[in-house]
N, C-alpha and C. Protein backbone atom coordinates (compact mmCIF):
# COMPACT_ATOMS: atom_id res chain seq x y z
N UNK A 1 93.06 206.30 54.72
CA UNK A 1 94.37 207.03 54.74
C UNK A 1 95.32 206.59 55.70
N UNK A 2 94.57 206.28 57.24
CA UNK A 2 95.57 206.30 58.42
C UNK A 2 96.07 204.75 58.13
N UNK A 3 95.36 203.73 57.39
CA UNK A 3 96.09 202.31 57.22
C UNK A 3 97.40 202.64 56.24
N UNK A 4 97.19 203.40 55.69
CA UNK A 4 98.26 203.54 54.47
C UNK A 4 99.47 204.18 54.80
N UNK A 5 99.60 205.41 55.78
CA UNK A 5 100.20 205.82 57.00
C UNK A 5 101.13 205.22 57.51
N UNK A 6 100.21 204.17 58.21
CA UNK A 6 100.96 203.50 59.37
C UNK A 6 101.51 201.92 58.47
N UNK A 7 101.14 201.66 57.13
CA UNK A 7 101.91 200.37 56.48
C UNK A 7 102.98 201.17 56.03
N UNK A 8 103.07 202.63 55.31
CA UNK A 8 104.41 203.00 55.17
C UNK A 8 105.40 202.88 56.54
N UNK A 9 104.96 203.40 57.62
CA UNK A 9 106.16 203.56 58.36
C UNK A 9 106.23 202.48 59.49
N UNK A 10 105.34 201.36 59.37
CA UNK A 10 105.59 199.96 59.89
C UNK A 10 107.12 200.07 60.19
N UNK A 11 107.35 199.19 61.37
CA UNK A 11 108.78 197.99 61.01
C UNK A 11 108.03 196.86 60.97
N UNK A 12 107.04 196.13 61.54
CA UNK A 12 106.85 195.17 61.83
C UNK A 12 105.04 195.07 61.01
N UNK A 13 105.03 193.63 61.18
CA UNK A 13 103.45 193.30 60.34
C UNK A 13 103.05 192.20 61.12
N UNK A 14 101.99 191.71 61.49
CA UNK A 14 101.14 190.69 62.37
C UNK A 14 100.45 189.76 61.31
N UNK A 15 100.68 188.82 61.61
CA UNK A 15 99.82 187.85 60.67
C UNK A 15 98.84 187.21 61.76
N UNK A 16 97.55 187.16 61.75
CA UNK A 16 96.64 186.63 62.89
C UNK A 16 96.45 185.26 62.45
N UNK A 17 96.73 184.41 61.31
CA UNK A 17 96.35 183.27 61.03
C UNK A 17 97.58 182.68 61.89
N UNK A 18 98.62 182.87 61.80
CA UNK A 18 99.94 182.55 62.21
C UNK A 18 100.26 182.85 63.30
N UNK A 19 99.95 183.88 64.07
CA UNK A 19 99.88 184.64 65.27
C UNK A 19 101.55 184.92 65.03
N UNK A 20 102.23 185.51 64.34
CA UNK A 20 103.41 185.74 64.12
C UNK A 20 103.81 187.44 63.46
N UNK A 21 104.52 188.22 64.14
CA UNK A 21 105.29 188.96 63.77
C UNK A 21 106.81 188.81 62.39
N UNK A 22 106.36 189.59 61.79
CA UNK A 22 107.10 189.56 60.82
C UNK A 22 107.90 191.31 60.14
N UNK A 23 109.26 191.00 60.12
CA UNK A 23 110.09 192.20 59.87
C UNK A 23 109.79 192.83 58.67
N UNK A 24 109.25 194.25 58.59
CA UNK A 24 108.88 194.51 57.38
C UNK A 24 110.37 194.99 56.32
N UNK A 25 111.29 195.01 56.73
CA UNK A 25 112.43 194.58 55.93
C UNK A 25 112.90 193.79 55.02
N UNK A 26 112.06 192.65 55.66
CA UNK A 26 112.18 191.22 54.98
C UNK A 26 111.21 191.24 53.93
N UNK A 27 110.18 192.06 54.02
CA UNK A 27 108.91 191.36 52.97
C UNK A 27 109.15 190.82 51.93
N UNK A 28 110.36 191.90 51.04
CA UNK A 28 110.44 191.43 49.47
C UNK A 28 110.99 190.01 49.46
N UNK A 29 111.71 189.61 50.62
CA UNK A 29 112.46 188.17 50.79
C UNK A 29 111.19 187.25 50.84
N UNK A 30 110.33 187.79 51.91
CA UNK A 30 109.41 186.63 52.32
C UNK A 30 108.00 186.58 50.60
N UNK A 31 108.29 187.76 50.09
CA UNK A 31 107.26 187.26 48.86
C UNK A 31 107.93 186.59 47.94
N UNK A 32 108.98 186.95 47.66
CA UNK A 32 109.76 186.21 46.41
C UNK A 32 109.95 184.69 46.63
N UNK A 33 109.91 184.13 48.38
CA UNK A 33 109.89 182.84 48.76
C UNK A 33 108.43 182.54 48.46
N UNK A 34 107.51 183.54 48.75
CA UNK A 34 105.87 182.81 48.55
C UNK A 34 105.42 182.51 49.81
N UNK A 35 106.42 183.13 50.82
CA UNK A 35 105.76 182.77 52.35
C UNK A 35 105.01 184.33 53.29
N UNK A 36 105.00 185.33 52.61
CA UNK A 36 104.32 186.52 53.14
C UNK A 36 102.77 186.13 53.04
N UNK A 37 102.38 186.08 54.36
CA UNK A 37 101.06 185.97 54.64
C UNK A 37 100.02 187.04 54.18
N UNK A 38 98.84 186.17 53.46
CA UNK A 38 98.23 187.16 53.01
C UNK A 38 97.36 187.95 53.95
N UNK A 39 97.41 187.76 55.12
CA UNK A 39 96.45 188.05 56.25
C UNK A 39 97.54 189.47 57.10
N UNK A 40 98.55 189.70 56.60
CA UNK A 40 99.72 190.27 57.39
C UNK A 40 99.27 191.54 57.37
N UNK A 41 99.30 192.44 58.37
CA UNK A 41 99.00 193.78 58.63
C UNK A 41 100.00 194.55 59.97
N UNK A 42 100.11 195.58 59.07
CA UNK A 42 101.23 196.49 59.70
C UNK A 42 100.70 197.07 61.17
N UNK A 43 101.60 197.10 62.66
CA UNK A 43 101.42 197.08 63.39
C UNK A 43 102.08 198.22 64.21
N UNK A 44 101.83 199.09 65.16
CA UNK A 44 102.56 200.08 65.52
C UNK A 44 103.91 199.73 66.44
N UNK A 45 104.48 200.50 66.40
CA UNK A 45 105.48 200.27 67.64
C UNK A 45 105.44 200.05 69.45
N UNK A 46 104.02 200.58 69.39
CA UNK A 46 103.65 200.01 70.87
C UNK A 46 103.35 198.66 71.05
N UNK A 47 102.22 198.37 69.41
CA UNK A 47 102.10 196.75 69.61
C UNK A 47 102.98 195.95 69.46
N UNK A 48 104.05 196.13 68.83
CA UNK A 48 105.33 194.96 69.04
C UNK A 48 106.18 195.18 70.22
N UNK A 49 106.15 196.29 71.13
CA UNK A 49 106.86 196.69 72.11
C UNK A 49 105.52 195.34 73.12
N UNK A 50 104.49 195.63 73.03
CA UNK A 50 103.75 195.08 74.07
C UNK A 50 103.88 193.49 73.67
N UNK A 51 103.71 193.41 72.33
CA UNK A 51 103.58 191.75 72.36
C UNK A 51 104.38 190.82 71.65
N UNK A 52 105.51 191.51 71.22
CA UNK A 52 106.78 191.02 70.28
C UNK A 52 107.21 189.76 71.39
N UNK A 53 108.30 188.97 70.46
CA UNK A 53 109.02 187.88 71.20
C UNK A 53 109.43 188.16 72.33
N UNK A 54 110.17 189.28 73.02
CA UNK A 54 110.89 189.81 73.57
C UNK A 54 110.44 190.66 74.83
N UNK A 55 109.14 190.62 74.53
CA UNK A 55 107.87 191.33 75.47
C UNK A 55 107.84 190.88 76.97
N UNK A 56 107.95 191.78 77.95
CA UNK A 56 107.91 192.04 79.16
C UNK A 56 106.69 191.71 80.16
N UNK A 57 106.51 190.88 80.76
CA UNK A 57 104.86 191.19 81.75
C UNK A 57 103.79 190.54 81.41
N UNK A 58 104.51 189.41 80.48
CA UNK A 58 103.23 188.53 79.77
C UNK A 58 102.17 187.92 80.80
N UNK A 59 101.05 188.11 80.75
CA UNK A 59 100.31 187.67 81.74
C UNK A 59 100.27 186.08 81.97
N UNK A 60 99.99 185.25 83.75
CA UNK A 60 100.43 184.10 83.77
C UNK A 60 99.33 183.52 83.19
N UNK A 61 99.51 182.56 82.20
CA UNK A 61 98.29 181.53 81.69
C UNK A 61 98.37 182.06 79.61
N UNK A 62 99.01 183.18 79.72
CA UNK A 62 98.30 183.78 78.36
C UNK A 62 99.36 183.57 77.74
N UNK A 63 99.22 183.56 76.16
CA UNK A 63 100.78 183.62 74.99
C UNK A 63 100.24 184.89 73.81
N UNK A 64 100.79 185.01 73.06
CA UNK A 64 100.58 186.21 72.11
C UNK A 64 99.71 185.28 71.19
N UNK A 65 98.89 185.87 70.72
CA UNK A 65 97.73 185.56 69.57
C UNK A 65 97.12 186.86 68.78
N UNK A 66 96.06 186.53 68.13
CA UNK A 66 94.87 187.07 67.60
C UNK A 66 93.67 187.84 68.74
N UNK A 67 93.62 188.77 68.53
CA UNK A 67 92.07 189.18 69.29
C UNK A 67 91.09 189.05 68.28
N UNK A 68 89.82 189.15 68.63
CA UNK A 68 88.88 188.99 67.77
C UNK A 68 89.02 190.42 66.45
N UNK A 69 89.44 191.13 66.53
CA UNK A 69 89.87 192.51 65.54
C UNK A 69 91.00 191.81 65.06
N UNK A 70 91.69 191.05 64.88
CA UNK A 70 92.76 190.53 64.37
C UNK A 70 94.40 191.07 64.64
N UNK A 71 94.16 191.91 65.69
CA UNK A 71 95.41 192.47 66.39
C UNK A 71 95.78 192.20 67.34
N UNK A 72 97.29 191.80 67.24
CA UNK A 72 98.03 190.92 68.58
C UNK A 72 97.24 191.25 69.52
N UNK A 73 97.05 190.14 70.40
CA UNK A 73 96.48 190.19 71.54
C UNK A 73 97.14 189.26 73.03
N UNK A 74 96.74 189.16 73.88
CA UNK A 74 97.09 188.22 75.16
C UNK A 74 95.98 187.24 74.87
N UNK A 75 96.21 186.04 74.37
CA UNK A 75 95.04 184.70 74.58
C UNK A 75 95.09 183.75 75.50
N UNK A 76 94.24 183.08 76.52
CA UNK A 76 94.50 181.73 76.61
C UNK A 76 95.55 180.99 76.37
N UNK A 77 96.69 180.35 76.91
CA UNK A 77 97.43 179.08 76.46
C UNK A 77 96.38 178.08 76.06
N UNK A 78 96.82 177.48 74.76
CA UNK A 78 96.02 176.42 74.84
C UNK A 78 96.55 175.18 75.54
N UNK A 79 95.48 174.45 75.82
CA UNK A 79 95.80 173.16 76.96
C UNK A 79 96.99 172.44 75.74
N UNK A 80 97.80 171.61 76.75
CA UNK A 80 98.46 170.50 75.90
C UNK A 80 97.66 169.46 75.79
N UNK A 81 98.13 168.48 74.68
CA UNK A 81 97.86 167.45 74.43
C UNK A 81 97.86 166.58 75.36
N UNK A 82 96.92 165.11 75.38
CA UNK A 82 97.43 164.47 76.32
C UNK A 82 99.10 163.85 75.50
N UNK A 83 99.48 163.95 75.05
CA UNK A 83 100.74 163.18 74.20
C UNK A 83 101.51 164.24 74.93
N UNK A 84 101.53 165.41 74.53
CA UNK A 84 102.60 166.61 75.11
C UNK A 84 102.65 166.40 76.64
N UNK A 85 101.26 166.28 77.33
CA UNK A 85 100.89 166.50 79.17
C UNK A 85 102.07 165.25 79.57
N UNK A 86 101.92 163.87 78.67
CA UNK A 86 102.31 162.46 78.97
C UNK A 86 103.42 163.03 78.96
N UNK A 87 104.71 163.11 77.88
CA UNK A 87 105.59 163.51 78.20
C UNK A 87 106.14 164.75 79.10
N UNK A 88 105.76 165.37 79.40
CA UNK A 88 106.17 166.52 80.19
C UNK A 88 105.85 165.89 82.07
N UNK A 89 105.06 165.23 81.74
CA UNK A 89 104.80 164.15 83.33
C UNK A 89 106.44 163.09 83.26
N UNK A 90 106.51 162.67 82.12
CA UNK A 90 107.67 161.70 82.33
C UNK A 90 108.92 162.56 82.23
N UNK A 91 109.54 163.58 81.57
CA UNK A 91 110.12 164.36 82.01
C UNK A 91 110.55 164.87 83.41
N UNK A 92 109.19 165.29 83.62
CA UNK A 92 109.12 165.93 85.44
C UNK A 92 109.85 164.61 86.54
N UNK A 93 108.80 163.24 86.30
CA UNK A 93 109.47 162.43 86.72
C UNK A 93 110.74 161.74 86.84
N UNK A 94 111.61 161.89 85.65
CA UNK A 94 112.97 161.66 85.59
C UNK A 94 113.93 162.45 85.95
N UNK A 95 113.39 163.61 85.82
CA UNK A 95 114.29 164.61 86.83
C UNK A 95 114.33 164.57 88.09
N UNK A 96 112.78 164.11 88.96
CA UNK A 96 112.67 164.12 90.56
C UNK A 96 113.64 163.05 90.69
N UNK A 97 113.71 162.12 90.09
CA UNK A 97 114.56 160.67 90.32
C UNK A 97 116.15 161.26 90.51
N UNK A 98 116.05 161.78 89.39
CA UNK A 98 117.85 162.26 89.49
C UNK A 98 117.86 163.58 90.46
N UNK A 99 117.03 164.05 90.97
CA UNK A 99 117.17 165.07 91.74
C UNK A 99 117.93 164.20 93.24
N UNK A 100 116.59 163.16 93.28
CA UNK A 100 116.53 162.71 94.85
C UNK A 100 117.97 161.59 95.04
N UNK A 101 118.40 160.93 93.98
CA UNK A 101 119.72 160.13 93.64
C UNK A 101 120.84 161.06 93.70
N UNK A 102 120.82 162.54 93.63
CA UNK A 102 121.77 163.65 93.86
C UNK A 102 121.58 164.26 95.47
N UNK A 103 120.93 164.00 95.73
CA UNK A 103 120.67 164.74 97.13
C UNK A 103 121.16 163.43 98.56
N UNK A 104 121.22 162.20 97.32
CA UNK A 104 121.80 160.85 98.62
C UNK A 104 120.97 160.43 99.57
N UNK A 105 121.59 159.40 100.44
CA UNK A 105 120.75 158.79 101.42
C UNK A 105 121.18 158.92 102.55
N UNK A 106 120.02 159.31 103.42
CA UNK A 106 120.58 159.54 104.85
C UNK A 106 120.98 158.33 105.48
N UNK A 107 122.15 158.04 106.39
CA UNK A 107 122.12 157.02 106.93
C UNK A 107 122.94 157.04 108.72
N UNK A 108 122.67 156.32 109.28
CA UNK A 108 123.26 156.27 110.85
C UNK A 108 124.78 155.35 110.53
N UNK A 109 125.60 156.26 110.65
CA UNK A 109 127.42 155.51 110.73
C UNK A 109 127.20 154.69 111.61
N UNK A 110 128.46 154.07 112.18
CA UNK A 110 128.44 153.02 113.27
C UNK A 110 128.73 153.47 114.37
N UNK A 111 129.58 154.42 114.35
CA UNK A 111 129.75 155.59 115.52
C UNK A 111 128.56 156.72 115.63
N UNK A 112 127.38 156.01 115.18
CA UNK A 112 125.83 157.18 115.90
C UNK A 112 125.81 157.91 114.71
N UNK A 113 126.76 158.53 114.25
CA UNK A 113 126.35 159.93 113.53
C UNK A 113 125.32 159.67 112.24
N UNK A 114 124.69 160.48 112.03
CA UNK A 114 124.02 160.60 110.92
C UNK A 114 124.52 161.25 109.97
N UNK A 115 124.64 160.94 108.70
CA UNK A 115 125.47 161.74 107.47
C UNK A 115 124.75 161.46 106.21
N UNK A 116 124.77 162.10 105.14
CA UNK A 116 124.24 161.60 103.99
C UNK A 116 124.99 160.71 103.08
N UNK A 117 125.11 159.45 102.57
CA UNK A 117 125.99 158.87 101.71
C UNK A 117 125.59 159.07 100.04
N UNK A 118 126.67 159.82 99.60
CA UNK A 118 126.26 160.42 98.08
C UNK A 118 126.17 159.40 97.53
N UNK A 119 124.63 159.25 96.48
CA UNK A 119 124.47 158.52 95.64
C UNK A 119 124.13 159.10 94.06
N UNK A 120 125.24 159.68 93.43
CA UNK A 120 125.21 160.68 92.45
C UNK A 120 125.61 158.96 91.27
N UNK A 121 124.44 158.92 90.43
CA UNK A 121 124.62 157.96 89.34
C UNK A 121 126.02 158.05 88.54
N UNK A 122 126.63 159.17 88.53
CA UNK A 122 127.40 159.39 87.32
C UNK A 122 128.66 159.31 88.05
N UNK A 123 128.54 159.47 88.86
CA UNK A 123 130.17 159.80 90.38
C UNK A 123 130.06 159.00 91.24
N UNK A 124 129.24 158.26 91.76
CA UNK A 124 129.19 157.81 93.19
C UNK A 124 128.80 156.32 93.00
N UNK A 125 127.93 155.90 92.04
CA UNK A 125 128.02 154.60 92.07
C UNK A 125 128.81 153.59 91.84
N UNK A 126 129.77 153.89 90.66
CA UNK A 126 131.01 153.11 90.43
C UNK A 126 132.25 152.76 91.85
N UNK A 127 132.07 153.87 92.54
CA UNK A 127 132.87 153.78 93.67
C UNK A 127 132.15 153.02 95.09
N UNK A 128 130.85 153.18 94.91
CA UNK A 128 129.97 152.52 96.33
C UNK A 128 130.30 150.77 95.52
N UNK A 129 129.82 150.46 94.52
CA UNK A 129 130.06 149.20 93.81
C UNK A 129 131.79 148.54 94.03
N UNK A 130 132.79 149.36 93.81
CA UNK A 130 134.32 148.72 94.08
C UNK A 130 134.25 148.86 95.60
N UNK A 131 133.59 149.26 96.48
CA UNK A 131 133.74 149.32 98.25
C UNK A 131 133.04 148.25 98.62
N UNK A 132 131.92 147.98 97.62
CA UNK A 132 131.42 146.53 98.10
C UNK A 132 132.19 145.60 97.65
N UNK A 133 132.54 145.42 96.50
CA UNK A 133 133.34 144.19 96.15
C UNK A 133 134.70 144.20 97.40
N UNK A 134 135.33 145.37 97.64
CA UNK A 134 136.41 145.03 98.63
C UNK A 134 136.05 144.10 99.67
N UNK A 135 135.05 145.28 100.08
CA UNK A 135 134.54 144.51 101.63
C UNK A 135 134.06 143.67 101.44
N UNK A 136 133.75 142.51 100.61
CA UNK A 136 133.38 141.24 100.57
C UNK A 136 134.38 140.25 100.77
N UNK A 137 135.93 140.78 99.59
CA UNK A 137 136.56 140.26 99.55
C UNK A 137 137.53 140.12 101.21
N UNK A 138 137.45 141.78 101.88
CA UNK A 138 138.17 141.70 102.71
C UNK A 138 137.88 140.34 104.14
N UNK A 139 136.34 140.87 103.92
CA UNK A 139 135.49 139.88 104.77
C UNK A 139 135.46 138.18 104.78
N UNK A 140 135.72 137.81 103.39
CA UNK A 140 136.23 136.51 102.92
C UNK A 140 138.05 135.92 103.74
N UNK A 141 138.62 137.17 103.73
CA UNK A 141 139.76 136.83 104.14
C UNK A 141 140.15 136.96 105.25
N UNK A 142 138.89 137.47 106.21
CA UNK A 142 138.91 137.40 107.95
C UNK A 142 138.88 138.59 108.17
N UNK A 143 139.40 139.57 107.57
CA UNK A 143 139.60 141.01 108.08
C UNK A 143 138.00 141.46 108.97
N UNK A 144 138.30 141.81 110.50
CA UNK A 144 137.16 142.36 110.95
C UNK A 144 137.69 143.81 111.73
N UNK A 145 138.60 144.63 111.20
CA UNK A 145 139.19 145.80 111.45
C UNK A 145 138.26 146.44 110.89
N UNK A 146 138.68 148.13 111.10
CA UNK A 146 137.48 149.17 110.58
C UNK A 146 138.97 149.56 109.73
N UNK A 147 139.33 148.77 108.74
CA UNK A 147 140.56 149.35 107.68
C UNK A 147 140.29 149.85 106.68
N UNK A 148 138.63 150.34 106.64
CA UNK A 148 137.96 150.82 104.81
C UNK A 148 137.58 152.47 105.59
N UNK A 149 137.49 153.07 104.60
CA UNK A 149 137.34 154.53 104.67
C UNK A 149 136.18 154.99 103.86
N UNK A 150 135.36 156.03 103.85
CA UNK A 150 134.14 156.41 103.14
C UNK A 150 133.79 157.70 103.66
N UNK A 151 134.04 158.32 102.14
CA UNK A 151 133.82 160.09 102.45
C UNK A 151 132.15 160.53 102.26
N UNK A 152 131.41 161.04 103.16
CA UNK A 152 130.45 161.05 103.56
C UNK A 152 129.92 162.94 102.92
N UNK A 153 128.69 162.93 102.78
CA UNK A 153 128.43 164.18 101.90
C UNK A 153 129.06 165.43 102.69
N UNK A 154 129.12 165.44 104.13
CA UNK A 154 129.55 166.16 104.72
C UNK A 154 131.00 166.70 104.67
N UNK A 155 131.37 165.40 103.70
CA UNK A 155 132.99 165.49 104.04
C UNK A 155 134.19 164.98 104.80
N UNK A 156 132.82 164.30 105.83
CA UNK A 156 133.55 163.49 106.84
C UNK A 156 134.38 162.11 106.50
N UNK A 157 135.22 161.85 106.81
CA UNK A 157 135.47 160.58 106.67
C UNK A 157 135.56 159.55 107.58
N UNK A 158 135.06 158.61 107.30
CA UNK A 158 134.49 157.44 108.46
C UNK A 158 135.02 155.81 108.27
N UNK A 159 135.78 155.29 109.24
CA UNK A 159 136.52 154.35 109.21
C UNK A 159 135.02 153.10 109.80
N UNK A 160 135.72 152.01 108.72
CA UNK A 160 134.13 151.30 108.93
C UNK A 160 134.84 149.59 108.60
N UNK A 161 134.50 148.45 109.04
CA UNK A 161 134.98 147.14 109.38
C UNK A 161 134.47 146.94 107.50
N UNK A 162 134.65 145.83 107.10
CA UNK A 162 134.07 145.22 106.52
C UNK A 162 132.75 144.66 106.06
N UNK A 163 132.22 144.21 107.29
CA UNK A 163 131.20 144.03 107.19
C UNK A 163 130.20 145.12 107.19
N UNK A 164 130.73 146.41 108.05
CA UNK A 164 129.59 147.51 108.48
C UNK A 164 129.73 148.52 106.49
N UNK A 165 130.85 148.22 106.00
CA UNK A 165 130.78 148.51 104.85
C UNK A 165 129.67 147.57 103.47
N UNK A 166 130.07 146.95 103.68
CA UNK A 166 128.68 145.61 103.16
C UNK A 166 127.49 146.43 103.47
N UNK A 167 127.09 146.47 104.91
CA UNK A 167 125.48 146.89 105.07
C UNK A 167 125.28 148.55 104.62
N UNK A 168 126.57 149.16 104.37
CA UNK A 168 126.06 150.59 104.20
C UNK A 168 125.90 150.55 102.67
N UNK A 169 126.77 149.39 102.02
CA UNK A 169 126.64 149.63 100.29
C UNK A 169 125.44 148.89 100.39
N UNK A 170 125.09 147.74 100.54
CA UNK A 170 123.64 147.29 100.52
C UNK A 170 122.36 148.34 100.61
N UNK A 171 122.57 148.80 101.70
CA UNK A 171 121.41 149.87 101.70
C UNK A 171 121.33 151.26 100.74
N UNK A 172 122.66 151.79 100.17
CA UNK A 172 122.73 152.45 99.00
C UNK A 172 122.16 151.48 97.85
N UNK A 173 122.28 150.60 97.75
CA UNK A 173 121.84 149.56 96.28
C UNK A 173 120.61 149.78 96.69
N UNK A 174 119.68 149.41 97.51
CA UNK A 174 118.45 149.57 98.25
C UNK A 174 117.70 150.77 97.87
N UNK A 175 118.56 151.84 98.46
CA UNK A 175 117.78 152.93 98.07
C UNK A 175 117.73 153.55 96.63
N UNK A 176 118.62 152.97 96.02
CA UNK A 176 118.24 153.12 94.30
C UNK A 176 117.49 152.65 94.18
N UNK A 177 117.46 151.38 94.23
CA UNK A 177 116.46 150.31 93.95
C UNK A 177 114.47 150.83 94.39
N UNK A 178 114.62 151.29 95.01
CA UNK A 178 112.93 152.17 95.80
C UNK A 178 112.95 152.66 95.05
N UNK A 179 113.78 154.19 94.76
CA UNK A 179 113.58 155.26 93.99
C UNK A 179 113.12 154.66 92.12
N UNK A 180 114.38 153.78 91.96
CA UNK A 180 113.83 153.40 90.39
C UNK A 180 112.33 152.64 90.39
N UNK A 181 111.94 151.96 91.30
CA UNK A 181 110.68 151.51 91.97
C UNK A 181 109.77 152.63 91.27
N UNK A 182 109.90 153.29 92.36
CA UNK A 182 108.49 154.36 92.22
C UNK A 182 108.97 155.08 91.07
N UNK A 183 109.77 155.49 90.33
CA UNK A 183 110.06 156.03 89.25
C UNK A 183 109.17 155.25 87.78
N UNK A 184 109.52 154.12 87.67
CA UNK A 184 108.52 153.05 86.71
C UNK A 184 107.26 152.90 87.16
N UNK A 185 106.35 152.56 88.65
CA UNK A 185 105.43 152.46 88.92
C UNK A 185 104.37 154.02 88.63
N UNK A 186 105.30 155.02 88.40
CA UNK A 186 104.67 156.35 87.97
C UNK A 186 104.45 156.23 86.78
N UNK A 187 105.42 155.64 86.12
CA UNK A 187 105.75 156.07 84.19
C UNK A 187 104.35 154.69 84.16
N UNK A 188 104.26 154.22 84.76
CA UNK A 188 103.30 152.95 83.93
C UNK A 188 101.95 154.18 84.36
N UNK A 189 101.72 154.83 85.27
CA UNK A 189 100.39 155.29 85.94
C UNK A 189 100.33 156.48 84.81
N UNK A 190 101.54 156.87 84.26
CA UNK A 190 101.55 157.74 83.11
C UNK A 190 100.74 157.37 81.89
N UNK A 191 101.12 156.19 81.66
CA UNK A 191 100.80 155.55 80.63
C UNK A 191 99.89 155.18 80.28
N UNK A 192 99.20 154.62 81.70
CA UNK A 192 97.79 153.76 81.85
C UNK A 192 96.70 155.55 81.61
N UNK A 193 97.15 156.47 82.00
CA UNK A 193 96.16 157.72 82.06
C UNK A 193 95.90 158.00 80.82
N UNK A 194 97.11 158.11 79.94
CA UNK A 194 96.80 158.47 78.70
C UNK A 194 96.48 157.87 77.81
N UNK A 195 96.26 156.46 77.96
CA UNK A 195 95.43 155.38 77.08
C UNK A 195 94.18 155.41 77.26
N UNK A 196 93.81 155.43 78.51
CA UNK A 196 92.45 156.05 79.00
C UNK A 196 91.62 157.41 79.11
N UNK A 197 92.79 158.36 78.24
CA UNK A 197 92.61 159.56 77.99
C UNK A 197 91.77 160.00 79.04
N UNK A 198 92.48 159.97 80.26
CA UNK A 198 92.36 160.66 81.76
C UNK A 198 93.02 161.59 82.31
N UNK A 199 92.72 162.66 81.46
CA UNK A 199 93.37 164.11 81.83
C UNK A 199 93.62 164.40 83.19
N UNK A 200 92.63 164.37 84.15
CA UNK A 200 92.83 164.61 85.46
C UNK A 200 93.73 163.85 86.30
N UNK A 201 93.59 162.56 85.80
CA UNK A 201 94.17 161.57 86.22
C UNK A 201 95.87 161.82 86.00
N UNK A 202 95.97 162.14 84.93
CA UNK A 202 97.31 162.36 84.33
C UNK A 202 97.78 163.87 84.96
N UNK A 203 97.21 164.50 85.21
CA UNK A 203 97.49 166.12 85.65
C UNK A 203 97.85 165.73 87.34
N UNK A 204 96.96 164.69 87.84
CA UNK A 204 97.40 164.69 89.22
C UNK A 204 98.60 164.15 89.70
N UNK A 205 99.29 162.90 88.34
CA UNK A 205 100.78 162.40 89.01
C UNK A 205 101.72 163.57 89.26
N UNK A 206 102.13 163.34 90.24
CA UNK A 206 103.72 163.72 90.59
C UNK A 206 104.42 162.85 91.55
N UNK A 207 105.71 163.50 91.50
CA UNK A 207 106.83 162.52 92.06
C UNK A 207 106.21 162.76 93.91
N UNK A 208 105.82 163.33 94.15
CA UNK A 208 105.29 163.46 95.85
C UNK A 208 104.14 162.68 96.07
N UNK A 209 103.41 162.73 94.88
CA UNK A 209 102.32 161.82 95.34
C UNK A 209 102.54 160.35 94.50
N UNK A 210 103.54 160.02 94.49
CA UNK A 210 104.08 158.91 93.33
C UNK A 210 103.24 157.61 94.04
N UNK A 211 103.91 157.28 95.92
CA UNK A 211 103.27 156.57 96.56
C UNK A 211 101.86 156.22 97.06
N UNK A 212 101.04 157.10 96.75
CA UNK A 212 99.56 157.25 96.93
C UNK A 212 99.13 156.10 96.04
N UNK A 213 98.25 155.23 96.73
CA UNK A 213 97.33 154.65 96.16
C UNK A 213 96.16 154.76 95.47
N UNK A 214 95.52 154.50 93.87
CA UNK A 214 94.83 155.57 93.34
C UNK A 214 93.13 155.27 94.09
N UNK A 215 92.57 156.05 94.29
CA UNK A 215 91.39 155.72 95.04
C UNK A 215 90.38 154.98 94.25
């Protein structure tokens, strides 16, 4: 009798097999489509508030699922598959590479000032390439004066000779290449760990430990 009373008043149902809530107002539509779960049970307003999609205060490492009694409950979050973990690691490496490129390259300018040369792929790479070409043209023409300008991350504009600009742009190119090599090495390690089904090795791979040699 209690279950029937709850059933009549329930605004939501819960399917233990699918671990989802379903709105009671759409039950007819679900049943017409043949998609209403056979194990759907009515839940109280308190249960839906606690475990619903917009629930606050979800415990760390838990997800909403079905408890032993078939009611909604916080259960252990299932471990990622090796393929999912590998994809997650690759995304993290790509993001870290991008972050380092956006952060820029610390460089000591000819006047002794230490500043950051911006190396953002979508904004600065073409500018640095243009400066490198111009500097080589000027050097070929015999120019030795500080006739070239570069704005660093501090917004300070520095005057450089063609030779100094070549050194700076070569350093920026090497900076980017070093980061790319680091990311390629990491991705290879991710691929190898996944192929070997070595979860521990895969989980240990991070951008910060990329240059460490495996034991």
